[in-house]
Protein backbone atom coordinates (compact mmCIF):
# COMPACT_ATOMS: atom_id res chain seq x y z
CA UNK A 1 71.79 96.34 85.20
CA UNK A 2 73.87 93.99 83.07
CA UNK A 3 74.69 94.30 79.39
CA UNK A 4 76.19 91.32 77.54
CA UNK A 5 76.75 89.56 80.84
CA UNK A 6 78.78 92.45 82.29
CA UNK A 7 77.85 94.66 85.18
CA UNK A 8 77.54 98.35 84.51
CA UNK A 9 78.80 100.80 87.07
CA UNK A 10 80.97 100.32 90.12
CA UNK A 11 80.85 97.23 92.28
CA UNK A 12 80.35 97.37 96.04
CA UNK A 13 84.10 96.94 96.46
CA UNK A 14 84.71 99.88 94.10
CA UNK A 15 82.33 102.05 96.09
CA UNK A 16 83.97 101.01 99.36
CA UNK A 17 87.39 101.92 97.96
CA UNK A 18 86.12 105.32 96.84
CA UNK A 19 84.54 105.89 100.24
CA UNK A 20 87.82 105.01 101.97
CA UNK A 21 89.72 107.38 99.67
CA UNK A 22 87.23 110.22 99.95
CA UNK A 23 89.02 112.18 102.74
CA UNK A 24 92.16 112.43 100.56
CA UNK A 25 90.12 113.31 97.47
CA UNK A 26 88.31 116.03 99.42
CA UNK A 27 91.62 117.43 100.72
CA UNK A 28 93.08 117.40 97.19
CA UNK A 29 90.03 119.30 95.92
CA UNK A 30 90.55 121.91 98.65
CA UNK A 31 94.17 122.36 97.50
CA UNK A 32 93.06 122.78 93.88
CA UNK A 33 90.39 125.30 94.91
CA UNK A 34 92.93 127.30 96.93
CA UNK A 35 95.43 127.22 94.05
CA UNK A 36 92.77 128.41 91.59
CA UNK A 37 91.85 131.28 93.91
CA UNK A 38 95.54 132.19 94.23
CA UNK A 39 96.04 132.08 90.45
CA UNK A 40 93.00 134.26 89.89
CA UNK A 41 94.22 136.78 92.45
CA UNK A 42 97.64 136.98 90.82
CA UNK A 43 99.65 139.80 92.34
CA UNK A 44 96.57 140.86 94.33
CA UNK A 45 96.79 137.70 96.44
CA UNK A 46 95.92 138.49 100.04
CA UNK A 47 97.29 137.00 103.23
CA UNK A 48 93.96 135.16 103.56
CA UNK A 49 94.55 133.55 100.12
CA UNK A 50 98.05 132.50 101.17
CA UNK A 51 96.75 131.10 104.45
CA UNK A 52 93.98 129.20 102.66
CA UNK A 53 96.55 127.62 100.35
CA UNK A 54 98.86 126.67 103.24
CA UNK A 55 95.99 125.23 105.28
CA UNK A 56 94.68 123.17 102.37
CA UNK A 57 98.16 121.75 101.73
CA UNK A 58 98.63 121.00 105.44
CA UNK A 59 95.23 119.27 105.59
CA UNK A 60 96.17 117.11 102.62
CA UNK A 61 99.50 116.20 104.23
CA UNK A 62 97.80 115.27 107.51
CA UNK A 63 95.27 113.10 105.70
CA UNK A 64 97.92 111.29 103.68
CA UNK A 65 99.94 110.62 106.84
CA UNK A 66 96.81 109.41 108.68
CA UNK A 67 95.99 107.05 105.82
CA UNK A 68 99.58 105.78 105.74
CA UNK A 69 99.40 105.12 109.49
CA UNK A 70 96.28 103.02 108.98
CA UNK A 71 97.89 101.16 106.08
CA UNK A 72 101.02 100.50 108.13
CA UNK A 73 99.11 99.30 111.21
CA UNK A 74 99.66 95.74 109.98
CA UNK A 75 103.33 96.33 110.74
CA UNK A 76 102.80 96.41 114.51
CA UNK A 77 103.99 93.53 116.63
CA UNK A 78 106.37 90.88 115.44
CA UNK A 79 110.06 90.48 116.08
CA UNK A 80 112.42 93.38 116.87
CA UNK A 81 114.71 94.36 114.00
CA UNK A 82 112.43 92.71 111.44
CA UNK A 83 112.21 95.77 109.22
CA UNK A 84 108.85 97.14 110.37
CA UNK A 85 110.13 100.72 110.78
CA UNK A 86 111.83 100.57 107.38
CA UNK A 87 108.62 99.30 105.74
CA UNK A 88 106.45 101.89 107.49
CA UNK A 89 108.80 104.67 106.39
CA UNK A 90 108.45 103.53 102.79
CA UNK A 91 104.65 103.45 103.05
CA UNK A 92 104.71 107.10 104.12
CA UNK A 93 107.27 107.99 101.44
CA UNK A 94 105.12 106.32 98.76
CA UNK A 95 102.07 108.26 99.98
CA UNK A 96 103.99 111.48 99.34
CA UNK A 97 105.10 110.35 95.92
CA UNK A 98 108.75 109.82 96.77
CA UNK A 99 111.32 109.95 99.52
CA UNK A 100 110.69 112.41 102.32
């Protein structure tokens, strides 16, 4: 529905972007849930709590790397020594929020 000539709510492109990002969002939520459980446990944190936290962080890392690989797929082909490896490395570094 439009108000004053503007669309309300997300566009199809917005929804597609959210859908594409959802695996990372879901992995980030798992990390937050594990961190909350660990904070609540405090000094009573069990090995299962620690494992849950490590697994959630590892899942997030794998998802970010997988997404970076998809984003960098445009770098395949082309001329040798044209900077593709350098560019791909920076895509992965940016996905992690800085240099690896």
